[in-house]
Amino acid sequence: MWDQFVNDAELMARHVVLVPLATLIEAEDEIHDCEVKEILAIAERNAERFPAKLCTELLRGREVGEAMVGEMTVGEAKDRGAELLIV
């Protein structure tokens, strides 16, 4: 039973770039974005060893918790069929 759960699992890795108050949230920061994209690429390469699918996402926000929780609403979790959220 556990094997089937793991094989069918879809994992999401999100990384938050903290944006200072003086900067627009939408403003791209190539230096930080490049670093985060590399971190997410490493996560994707490591995940290839496992049967579960890994999706990655770069987020921007003033605070990590707010950005993470704000992106994953209850409705989105239900739409994705999420059974477990780990922050």
Protein backbone atom coordinates (compact mmCIF):
# COMPACT_ATOMS: atom_id res chain seq x y z
CA MET A 1 0.00 0.00 0.00
CA TRP A 2 2.76 2.48 0.93
CA ASP A 3 4.57 1.86 -2.37
CA GLN A 4 1.48 2.80 -4.36
CA PHE A 5 1.07 6.01 -2.35
CA VAL A 6 4.69 7.00 -3.01
CA ASN A 7 4.50 6.11 -6.71
CA ASP A 8 1.38 8.25 -7.16
CA ALA A 9 2.65 11.17 -5.06
CA GLU A 10 3.24 14.60 -6.52
CA LEU A 11 5.53 16.82 -4.48
CA MET A 12 5.95 20.57 -4.76
CA ALA A 13 9.11 22.41 -3.74
CA ARG A 14 8.74 26.16 -3.37
CA HIS A 15 11.49 28.65 -2.63
CA VAL A 16 10.72 32.20 -1.53
CA VAL A 17 12.86 35.17 -2.55
CA LEU A 18 12.48 37.82 0.14
CA VAL A 19 11.72 41.20 -1.42
CA PRO A 20 12.54 44.39 0.54
CA LEU A 21 9.72 46.86 1.19
CA ALA A 22 11.36 49.41 -1.11
CA THR A 23 11.09 47.00 -4.06
CA LEU A 24 7.99 45.96 -5.99
CA ILE A 25 7.08 42.31 -5.46
CA GLU A 26 6.81 41.89 -9.24
CA ALA A 27 10.31 43.28 -9.85
CA GLU A 28 12.68 40.58 -11.06
CA ASP A 29 16.05 40.24 -9.40
CA GLU A 30 18.31 38.27 -11.72
CA ILE A 31 20.96 37.61 -9.04
CA HIS A 32 18.54 36.15 -6.49
CA ASP A 33 16.37 34.47 -9.11
CA CYS A 34 19.41 32.74 -10.61
CA GLU A 35 20.47 31.41 -7.19
CA VAL A 36 16.96 30.16 -6.44
CA LYS A 37 16.57 28.56 -9.86
CA GLU A 38 19.82 26.66 -9.26
CA ILE A 39 18.57 25.47 -5.84
CA LEU A 40 15.31 24.28 -7.40
CA ALA A 41 17.23 22.57 -10.22
CA ILE A 42 19.28 20.67 -7.62
CA ALA A 43 16.04 19.59 -5.93
CA GLU A 44 14.71 18.36 -9.29
CA ARG A 45 17.91 16.40 -10.01
CA ASN A 46 17.81 14.79 -6.55
CA ALA A 47 14.12 13.94 -6.92
CA GLU A 48 14.83 11.93 -10.10
CA ARG A 49 16.05 9.10 -7.84
CA PHE A 50 12.52 8.62 -6.49
CA PRO A 51 9.28 7.59 -8.18
CA ALA A 52 7.26 10.60 -6.98
CA LYS A 53 6.94 13.61 -9.32
CA LEU A 54 8.45 16.91 -8.13
CA CYS A 55 7.19 20.31 -9.28
CA THR A 56 9.14 23.45 -8.37
CA GLU A 57 8.12 27.07 -8.04
CA LEU A 58 9.92 30.34 -7.32
CA LEU A 59 7.89 32.73 -5.15
CA ARG A 60 8.51 36.33 -4.14
CA GLY A 61 7.31 37.85 -0.91
CA ARG A 62 8.02 40.07 2.07
CA GLU A 63 7.85 37.14 4.50
CA VAL A 64 8.45 33.45 3.84
CA GLY A 65 5.43 32.10 5.72
CA GLU A 66 3.02 34.57 4.17
CA ALA A 67 4.28 33.80 0.67
CA MET A 68 4.07 30.03 1.18
CA VAL A 69 0.64 29.96 2.76
CA GLY A 70 -0.76 32.68 0.53
CA GLU A 71 0.09 30.66 -2.57
CA MET A 72 -1.43 27.40 -1.34
CA THR A 73 -5.01 28.22 -0.51
CA VAL A 74 -7.43 25.59 0.70
CA GLY A 75 -9.19 25.76 -2.68
CA GLU A 76 -5.96 25.16 -4.59
CA ALA A 77 -5.07 22.27 -2.31
CA LYS A 78 -8.47 20.68 -2.92
CA ASP A 79 -8.22 21.27 -6.67
CA ARG A 80 -4.86 19.49 -6.70
CA GLY A 81 -6.26 16.66 -4.62
CA ALA A 82 -3.75 17.38 -1.87
CA GLU A 83 -4.01 15.07 1.09
CA LEU A 84 -1.12 16.55 3.08
CA LEU A 85 0.57 19.97 3.23
CA ILE A 86 3.93 20.31 4.95
CA VAL A 87 5.36 23.78 5.46
